[in-house]
């Protein structure tokens, strides 16, 4: 019992430390709107539909991660996609990235983007990033691979939503109250998952922009701390 309580206290302490220094911004309000919208849809659609939508979104993540690799291999073999993108980004990237939330291991990247680099570009993330050229190479490669991942994730999500729409149409919205409440809970979890994924994708996309109010709003939001905690759980 004592180890269990200690683990819970440790998790609570990590959450408090992560949230320290962050503040509510329009980014958090946008994510909260997505979560409330999904919760309302889950309540109206019932537990079965909300659970299916949530499960398909979670399954789309590993599917997109797996299928984006052969796509990049094909694009690189045919058109040298990554090399061309990195070359363009190197010319464009004199304004990026902001050094506001350096991680020590990969200066110039946010803590979240640095962990994504270890996942999507491990061969570059393992190298020492000591010059602007090496940093731009890492950022450009990460952007290209995240773009391919995001395209597949969007494709699988839209495809799953299309097929599930037929089930929603035939199932209707009838159900007892506990099913509606269960659907609301699943919808809230679905909205939270979508918010975290969207925040992480936007965080990487911010490397295309100079530092400023937009970057500060994203990096200082509560979703930044929550996303970092989620990534730490799956490391």
C-alpha atoms as a PDB file:
ATOM      1  CA  UNK A   1       0.000   0.000   0.000  1.00  0.00           C
ATOM      2  CA  UNK A   2       2.829   2.395   0.884  1.00  0.00           C
ATOM      3  CA  UNK A   3       4.678   2.060  -2.469  1.00  0.00           C
ATOM      4  CA  UNK A   4       1.376   2.697  -4.259  1.00  0.00           C
ATOM      5  CA  UNK A   5       0.777   5.886  -2.260  1.00  0.00           C
ATOM      6  CA  UNK A   6       4.358   7.016  -2.807  1.00  0.00           C
ATOM      7  CA  UNK A   7       4.005   6.532  -6.568  1.00  0.00           C
ATOM      8  CA  UNK A   8       0.798   8.580  -6.564  1.00  0.00           C
ATOM      9  CA  UNK A   9       2.494  11.346  -4.588  1.00  0.00           C
ATOM     10  CA  UNK A  10       5.433  11.284  -7.001  1.00  0.00           C
ATOM     11  CA  UNK A  11       3.117  11.653 -10.001  1.00  0.00           C
ATOM     12  CA  UNK A  12       1.262  14.511  -8.298  1.00  0.00           C
ATOM     13  CA  UNK A  13       4.579  16.227  -7.537  1.00  0.00           C
ATOM     14  CA  UNK A  14       5.668  15.900 -11.193  1.00  0.00           C
ATOM     15  CA  UNK A  15       2.385  17.394 -12.384  1.00  0.00           C
ATOM     16  CA  UNK A  16       2.718  20.359 -10.003  1.00  0.00           C
ATOM     17  CA  UNK A  17       6.315  20.975 -11.042  1.00  0.00           C
ATOM     18  CA  UNK A  18       5.402  20.789 -14.732  1.00  0.00           C
ATOM     19  CA  UNK A  19       2.535  23.250 -14.372  1.00  0.00           C
ATOM     20  CA  UNK A  20       4.618  25.725 -12.383  1.00  0.00           C
ATOM     21  CA  UNK A  21       5.396  28.763 -14.488  1.00  0.00           C
ATOM     22  CA  UNK A  22       2.666  28.038 -17.043  1.00  0.00           C
ATOM     23  CA  UNK A  23      -0.448  30.118 -17.462  1.00  0.00           C
ATOM     24  CA  UNK A  24      -3.810  29.870 -19.181  1.00  0.00           C
ATOM     25  CA  UNK A  25      -3.760  31.143 -22.758  1.00  0.00           C
ATOM     26  CA  UNK A  26      -5.990  31.062 -25.806  1.00  0.00           C
ATOM     27  CA  UNK A  27      -4.290  27.779 -26.732  1.00  0.00           C
ATOM     28  CA  UNK A  28      -5.681  26.151 -23.587  1.00  0.00           C
ATOM     29  CA  UNK A  29      -9.111  27.629 -24.283  1.00  0.00           C
ATOM     30  CA  UNK A  30      -9.037  26.215 -27.823  1.00  0.00           C
ATOM     31  CA  UNK A  31      -8.085  22.762 -26.516  1.00  0.00           C
ATOM     32  CA  UNK A  32     -10.774  23.002 -23.830  1.00  0.00           C
ATOM     33  CA  UNK A  33     -13.323  23.859 -26.523  1.00  0.00           C
ATOM     34  CA  UNK A  34     -12.322  20.747 -28.495  1.00  0.00           C
ATOM     35  CA  UNK A  35     -12.658  18.571 -25.379  1.00  0.00           C
ATOM     36  CA  UNK A  36     -16.083  19.994 -24.477  1.00  0.00           C
ATOM     37  CA  UNK A  37     -17.276  19.595 -28.073  1.00  0.00           C
ATOM     38  CA  UNK A  38     -16.202  15.949 -28.144  1.00  0.00           C
ATOM     39  CA  UNK A  39     -17.786  15.385 -24.710  1.00  0.00           C
ATOM     40  CA  UNK A  40     -21.089  16.842 -25.955  1.00  0.00           C
ATOM     41  CA  UNK A  41     -20.962  14.656 -29.073  1.00  0.00           C
ATOM     42  CA  UNK A  42     -20.218  11.632 -26.912  1.00  0.00           C
ATOM     43  CA  UNK A  43     -23.182  12.386 -24.682  1.00  0.00           C
ATOM     44  CA  UNK A  44     -25.520  12.706 -27.649  1.00  0.00           C
ATOM     45  CA  UNK A  45     -24.114   9.697 -29.503  1.00  0.00           C
ATOM     46  CA  UNK A  46     -23.820   7.305 -26.586  1.00  0.00           C
ATOM     47  CA  UNK A  47     -21.023   5.173 -25.180  1.00  0.00           C
ATOM     48  CA  UNK A  48     -20.566   2.811 -28.133  1.00  0.00           C
ATOM     49  CA  UNK A  49     -20.032   5.519 -30.727  1.00  0.00           C
ATOM     50  CA  UNK A  50     -17.744   7.609 -28.507  1.00  0.00           C
ATOM     51  CA  UNK A  51     -15.661   4.564 -27.591  1.00  0.00           C
ATOM     52  CA  UNK A  52     -15.253   3.614 -31.260  1.00  0.00           C
ATOM     53  CA  UNK A  53     -14.191   7.130 -32.231  1.00  0.00           C
ATOM     54  CA  UNK A  54     -11.688   7.288 -29.375  1.00  0.00           C
ATOM     55  CA  UNK A  55     -10.272   3.840 -30.181  1.00  0.00           C
ATOM     56  CA  UNK A  56      -9.904   4.638 -33.886  1.00  0.00           C
ATOM     57  CA  UNK A  57      -8.060   7.870 -33.092  1.00  0.00           C
ATOM     58  CA  UNK A  58      -5.643   6.009 -30.817  1.00  0.00           C
ATOM     59  CA  UNK A  59      -5.109   3.323 -33.472  1.00  0.00           C
ATOM     60  CA  UNK A  60      -4.453   5.997 -36.100  1.00  0.00           C
ATOM     61  CA  UNK A  61      -1.338   7.133 -34.196  1.00  0.00           C
ATOM     62  CA  UNK A  62       0.754   3.923 -34.505  1.00  0.00           C
ATOM     63  CA  UNK A  63      -0.665   3.305 -37.993  1.00  0.00           C
ATOM     64  CA  UNK A  64       0.472   6.754 -39.166  1.00  0.00           C
ATOM     65  CA  UNK A  65       3.866   6.288 -37.516  1.00  0.00           C
ATOM     66  CA  UNK A  66       4.336   2.961 -39.296  1.00  0.00           C
ATOM     67  CA  UNK A  67       3.129   4.014 -42.767  1.00  0.00           C
ATOM     68  CA  UNK A  68       4.871   7.389 -42.938  1.00  0.00           C
ATOM     69  CA  UNK A  69       8.252   5.644 -43.198  1.00  0.00           C
ATOM     70  CA  UNK A  70       7.648   3.845 -46.535  1.00  0.00           C
ATOM     71  CA  UNK A  71       6.094   7.043 -47.880  1.00  0.00           C
ATOM     72  CA  UNK A  72       9.246   8.985 -47.016  1.00  0.00           C
ATOM     73  CA  UNK A  73      11.392   6.226 -48.531  1.00  0.00           C
ATOM     74  CA  UNK A  74       9.434   6.460 -51.788  1.00  0.00           C
ATOM     75  CA  UNK A  75       9.572  10.276 -51.861  1.00  0.00           C
ATOM     76  CA  UNK A  76      13.288  10.275 -51.092  1.00  0.00           C
ATOM     77  CA  UNK A  77      14.044   7.712 -53.803  1.00  0.00           C
ATOM     78  CA  UNK A  78      11.969   9.498 -56.439  1.00  0.00           C
ATOM     79  CA  UNK A  79      12.420  13.186 -55.632  1.00  0.00           C
ATOM     80  CA  UNK A  80      14.957  13.408 -52.759  1.00  0.00           C
ATOM     81  CA  UNK A  81      12.192  14.931 -50.673  1.00  0.00           C
ATOM     82  CA  UNK A  82      13.992  15.207 -47.338  1.00  0.00           C
ATOM     83  CA  UNK A  83      17.193  16.573 -48.863  1.00  0.00           C
ATOM     84  CA  UNK A  84      15.267  19.174 -50.869  1.00  0.00           C
ATOM     85  CA  UNK A  85      13.151  20.171 -47.875  1.00  0.00           C
ATOM     86  CA  UNK A  86      16.175  20.447 -45.585  1.00  0.00           C
ATOM     87  CA  UNK A  87      17.995  22.541 -48.214  1.00  0.00           C
ATOM     88  CA  UNK A  88      15.007  24.890 -48.457  1.00  0.00           C
ATOM     89  CA  UNK A  89      14.638  25.018 -44.693  1.00  0.00           C
ATOM     90  CA  UNK A  90      18.339  25.801 -44.264  1.00  0.00           C
ATOM     91  CA  UNK A  91      17.967  28.818 -46.562  1.00  0.00           C
ATOM     92  CA  UNK A  92      14.692  29.816 -44.922  1.00  0.00           C
ATOM     93  CA  UNK A  93      15.605  28.924 -41.359  1.00  0.00           C
ATOM     94  CA  UNK A  94      17.781  31.837 -40.344  1.00  0.00           C
ATOM     95  CA  UNK A  95      14.874  32.963 -38.142  1.00  0.00           C
ATOM     96  CA  UNK A  96      14.276  29.602 -36.432  1.00  0.00           C
ATOM     97  CA  UNK A  97      14.085  28.100 -33.980  1.00  0.00           C
ATOM     98  CA  UNK A  98      13.633  30.145 -30.814  1.00  0.00           C
ATOM     99  CA  UNK A  99      15.979  29.302 -27.960  1.00  0.00           C
ATOM    100  CA  UNK A 100      13.429  30.083 -25.280  1.00  0.00           C
ATOM    101  CA  UNK A 101      12.866  26.523 -24.032  1.00  0.00           C
ATOM    102  CA  UNK A 102      16.139  24.737 -24.662  1.00  0.00           C
ATOM    103  CA  UNK A 103      16.486  21.216 -23.338  1.00  0.00           C
ATOM    104  CA  UNK A 104      20.248  21.010 -22.931  1.00  0.00           C
ATOM    105  CA  UNK A 105      20.469  17.940 -25.165  1.00  0.00           C
ATOM    106  CA  UNK A 106      19.085  19.695 -28.229  1.00  0.00           C
ATOM    107  CA  UNK A 107      19.384  23.475 -27.821  1.00  0.00           C
ATOM    108  CA  UNK A 108      16.896  25.416 -29.885  1.00  0.00           C
ATOM    109  CA  UNK A 109      14.101  22.867 -29.627  1.00  0.00           C
ATOM    110  CA  UNK A 110      11.325  22.783 -27.076  1.00  0.00           C
ATOM    111  CA  UNK A 111      11.424  19.858 -24.674  1.00  0.00           C
ATOM    112  CA  UNK A 112       8.493  18.293 -26.515  1.00  0.00           C
ATOM    113  CA  UNK A 113      10.042  18.702 -29.968  1.00  0.00           C
ATOM    114  CA  UNK A 114      13.329  17.268 -28.680  1.00  0.00           C
ATOM    115  CA  UNK A 115      11.528  14.095 -27.560  1.00  0.00           C
ATOM    116  CA  UNK A 116       9.736  13.868 -30.900  1.00  0.00           C
ATOM    117  CA  UNK A 117      13.122  14.213 -32.620  1.00  0.00           C
ATOM    118  CA  UNK A 118      14.368  11.194 -30.659  1.00  0.00           C
ATOM    119  CA  UNK A 119      11.356   9.274 -31.953  1.00  0.00           C
ATOM    120  CA  UNK A 120      11.219  10.441 -35.586  1.00  0.00           C
ATOM    121  CA  UNK A 121      14.894  11.226 -36.266  1.00  0.00           C
ATOM    122  CA  UNK A 122      16.930   9.188 -33.756  1.00  0.00           C
ATOM    123  CA  UNK A 123      20.038   9.096 -35.956  1.00  0.00           C
ATOM    124  CA  UNK A 124      20.229  12.920 -35.856  1.00  0.00           C
ATOM    125  CA  UNK A 125      18.959  13.456 -32.317  1.00  0.00           C
ATOM    126  CA  UNK A 126      21.756  11.240 -30.993  1.00  0.00           C
ATOM    127  CA  UNK A 127      24.394  13.567 -32.487  1.00  0.00           C
ATOM    128  CA  UNK A 128      25.711  16.646 -30.752  1.00  0.00           C
ATOM    129  CA  UNK A 129      23.898  19.791 -31.913  1.00  0.00           C
ATOM    130  CA  UNK A 130      26.550  22.474 -31.526  1.00  0.00           C
ATOM    131  CA  UNK A 131      26.211  24.587 -34.676  1.00  0.00           C
ATOM    132  CA  UNK A 132      23.386  26.328 -36.459  1.00  0.00           C
ATOM    133  CA  UNK A 133      23.855  24.065 -39.486  1.00  0.00           C
ATOM    134  CA  UNK A 134      23.395  20.877 -37.444  1.00  0.00           C
ATOM    135  CA  UNK A 135      20.387  22.401 -35.705  1.00  0.00           C
ATOM    136  CA  UNK A 136      18.765  23.360 -39.012  1.00  0.00           C
ATOM    137  CA  UNK A 137      19.448  19.872 -40.384  1.00  0.00           C
ATOM    138  CA  UNK A 138      17.706  18.294 -37.388  1.00  0.00           C
ATOM    139  CA  UNK A 139      14.768  20.715 -37.504  1.00  0.00           C
ATOM    140  CA  UNK A 140      14.274  20.370 -41.259  1.00  0.00           C
ATOM    141  CA  UNK A 141      14.372  16.568 -41.116  1.00  0.00           C
ATOM    142  CA  UNK A 142      11.965  16.520 -38.168  1.00  0.00           C
ATOM    143  CA  UNK A 143       9.563  18.856 -39.982  1.00  0.00           C
ATOM    144  CA  UNK A 144       9.578  16.694 -43.120  1.00  0.00           C
ATOM    145  CA  UNK A 145       8.914  13.495 -41.190  1.00  0.00           C
ATOM    146  CA  UNK A 146       6.260  15.056 -38.959  1.00  0.00           C
ATOM    147  CA  UNK A 147       4.509  16.381 -42.093  1.00  0.00           C
ATOM    148  CA  UNK A 148       4.346  12.848 -43.532  1.00  0.00           C
ATOM    149  CA  UNK A 149       3.113  11.511 -40.189  1.00  0.00           C
ATOM    150  CA  UNK A 150       0.463  14.236 -39.917  1.00  0.00           C
ATOM    151  CA  UNK A 151      -0.769  13.517 -43.452  1.00  0.00           C
ATOM    152  CA  UNK A 152      -1.244   9.827 -42.667  1.00  0.00           C
ATOM    153  CA  UNK A 153      -2.816  10.562 -39.269  1.00  0.00           C
ATOM    154  CA  UNK A 154      -5.323  12.913 -40.905  1.00  0.00           C
ATOM    155  CA  UNK A 155      -6.021  10.341 -43.629  1.00  0.00           C
ATOM    156  CA  UNK A 156      -6.669   7.504 -41.164  1.00  0.00           C
ATOM    157  CA  UNK A 157      -8.766   9.753 -38.910  1.00  0.00           C
ATOM    158  CA  UNK A 158     -10.973  10.968 -41.762  1.00  0.00           C
ATOM    159  CA  UNK A 159     -11.293   7.429 -43.146  1.00  0.00           C
ATOM    160  CA  UNK A 160     -12.308   6.042 -39.745  1.00  0.00           C
ATOM    161  CA  UNK A 161     -14.777   8.889 -39.249  1.00  0.00           C
ATOM    162  CA  UNK A 162     -16.307   8.159 -42.663  1.00  0.00           C
ATOM    163  CA  UNK A 163     -16.914   4.490 -41.870  1.00  0.00           C
ATOM    164  CA  UNK A 164     -18.082   5.188 -38.324  1.00  0.00           C
ATOM    165  CA  UNK A 165     -20.615   7.699 -39.643  1.00  0.00           C
ATOM    166  CA  UNK A 166     -22.607   4.789 -41.089  1.00  0.00           C
ATOM    167  CA  UNK A 167     -22.681   3.080 -37.697  1.00  0.00           C
ATOM    168  CA  UNK A 168     -23.755   6.326 -36.036  1.00  0.00           C
ATOM    169  CA  UNK A 169     -26.525   6.731 -38.602  1.00  0.00           C
ATOM    170  CA  UNK A 170     -27.920   3.259 -38.034  1.00  0.00           C
ATOM    171  CA  UNK A 171     -27.369   3.229 -34.267  1.00  0.00           C
ATOM    172  CA  UNK A 172     -29.131   6.477 -33.541  1.00  0.00           C
ATOM    173  CA  UNK A 173     -28.802   8.393 -30.288  1.00  0.00           C
ATOM    174  CA  UNK A 174     -31.165   6.395 -28.140  1.00  0.00           C
ATOM    175  CA  UNK A 175     -29.774   4.967 -24.922  1.00  0.00           C
ATOM    176  CA  UNK A 176     -30.086   4.967 -21.180  1.00  0.00           C
ATOM    177  CA  UNK A 177     -28.559   7.739 -19.157  1.00  0.00           C
ATOM    178  CA  UNK A 178     -25.478   5.810 -18.022  1.00  0.00           C
ATOM    179  CA  UNK A 179     -24.610   5.142 -21.663  1.00  0.00           C
ATOM    180  CA  UNK A 180     -24.842   8.839 -22.422  1.00  0.00           C
ATOM    181  CA  UNK A 181     -22.663   9.697 -19.425  1.00  0.00           C
ATOM    182  CA  UNK A 182     -20.164   7.027 -20.479  1.00  0.00           C
ATOM    183  CA  UNK A 183     -20.199   8.500 -23.980  1.00  0.00           C
ATOM    184  CA  UNK A 184     -19.526  11.939 -22.516  1.00  0.00           C
ATOM    185  CA  UNK A 185     -16.511  10.585 -20.602  1.00  0.00           C
ATOM    186  CA  UNK A 186     -15.139   8.790 -23.668  1.00  0.00           C
ATOM    187  CA  UNK A 187     -15.761  11.905 -25.747  1.00  0.00           C
ATOM    188  CA  UNK A 188     -13.819  13.976 -23.215  1.00  0.00           C
ATOM    189  CA  UNK A 189     -10.896  11.521 -23.430  1.00  0.00           C
ATOM    190  CA  UNK A 190     -11.126  11.649 -27.229  1.00  0.00           C
ATOM    191  CA  UNK A 191     -11.008  15.443 -27.206  1.00  0.00           C
ATOM    192  CA  UNK A 192      -8.048  15.389 -24.831  1.00  0.00           C
ATOM    193  CA  UNK A 193      -6.130  13.000 -27.111  1.00  0.00           C
ATOM    194  CA  UNK A 194      -6.863  15.166 -30.150  1.00  0.00           C
ATOM    195  CA  UNK A 195      -5.767  18.280 -28.243  1.00  0.00           C
ATOM    196  CA  UNK A 196      -2.442  16.747 -27.209  1.00  0.00           C
ATOM    197  CA  UNK A 197      -1.684  15.487 -30.726  1.00  0.00           C
ATOM    198  CA  UNK A 198      -2.690  18.819 -32.267  1.00  0.00           C
ATOM    199  CA  UNK A 199      -0.537  20.746 -29.794  1.00  0.00           C
ATOM    200  CA  UNK A 200       2.510  18.582 -30.522  1.00  0.00           C
ATOM    201  CA  UNK A 201       2.093  18.955 -34.285  1.00  0.00           C
ATOM    202  CA  UNK A 202       1.690  22.724 -33.948  1.00  0.00           C
ATOM    203  CA  UNK A 203       4.728  22.899 -31.673  1.00  0.00           C
ATOM    204  CA  UNK A 204       6.880  21.346 -34.399  1.00  0.00           C
ATOM    205  CA  UNK A 205       5.282  23.560 -37.052  1.00  0.00           C
ATOM    206  CA  UNK A 206       6.270  26.617 -35.005  1.00  0.00           C
ATOM    207  CA  UNK A 207       9.846  25.998 -36.143  1.00  0.00           C
ATOM    208  CA  UNK A 208       8.742  27.613 -39.411  1.00  0.00           C
ATOM    209  CA  UNK A 209       8.109  30.905 -37.632  1.00  0.00           C
ATOM    210  CA  UNK A 210      10.353  33.311 -35.745  1.00  0.00           C
ATOM    211  CA  UNK A 211      10.033  33.623 -32.000  1.00  0.00           C
ATOM    212  CA  UNK A 212       7.234  35.877 -30.907  1.00  0.00           C
ATOM    213  CA  UNK A 213       3.867  36.044 -29.198  1.00  0.00           C
ATOM    214  CA  UNK A 214       2.544  32.933 -30.982  1.00  0.00           C
ATOM    215  CA  UNK A 215       5.486  30.808 -29.856  1.00  0.00           C
ATOM    216  CA  UNK A 216       5.254  32.212 -26.335  1.00  0.00           C
ATOM    217  CA  UNK A 217       1.528  31.467 -26.122  1.00  0.00           C
ATOM    218  CA  UNK A 218       2.108  27.836 -27.115  1.00  0.00           C
ATOM    219  CA  UNK A 219       5.174  27.205 -24.965  1.00  0.00           C
ATOM    220  CA  UNK A 220       3.761  28.842 -21.815  1.00  0.00           C
ATOM    221  CA  UNK A 221       0.323  27.198 -21.967  1.00  0.00           C
ATOM    222  CA  UNK A 222      -0.860  24.437 -19.648  1.00  0.00           C
ATOM    223  CA  UNK A 223      -1.105  22.138 -22.661  1.00  0.00           C
ATOM    224  CA  UNK A 224       2.661  22.455 -23.065  1.00  0.00           C
ATOM    225  CA  UNK A 225       3.196  20.989 -19.583  1.00  0.00           C
ATOM    226  CA  UNK A 226       0.540  18.323 -20.097  1.00  0.00           C
ATOM    227  CA  UNK A 227       2.010  17.284 -23.462  1.00  0.00           C
ATOM    228  CA  UNK A 228       5.467  16.980 -21.929  1.00  0.00           C
ATOM    229  CA  UNK A 229       4.085  14.757 -19.161  1.00  0.00           C
ATOM    230  CA  UNK A 230       2.344  12.542 -21.734  1.00  0.00           C
ATOM    231  CA  UNK A 231       5.573  12.165 -23.729  1.00  0.00           C
ATOM    232  CA  UNK A 232       7.513  11.353 -20.542  1.00  0.00           C
ATOM    233  CA  UNK A 233       5.038   8.564 -19.757  1.00  0.00           C
ATOM    234  CA  UNK A 234       5.689   6.869 -23.110  1.00  0.00           C
ATOM    235  CA  UNK A 235       9.477   7.249 -23.238  1.00  0.00           C
END
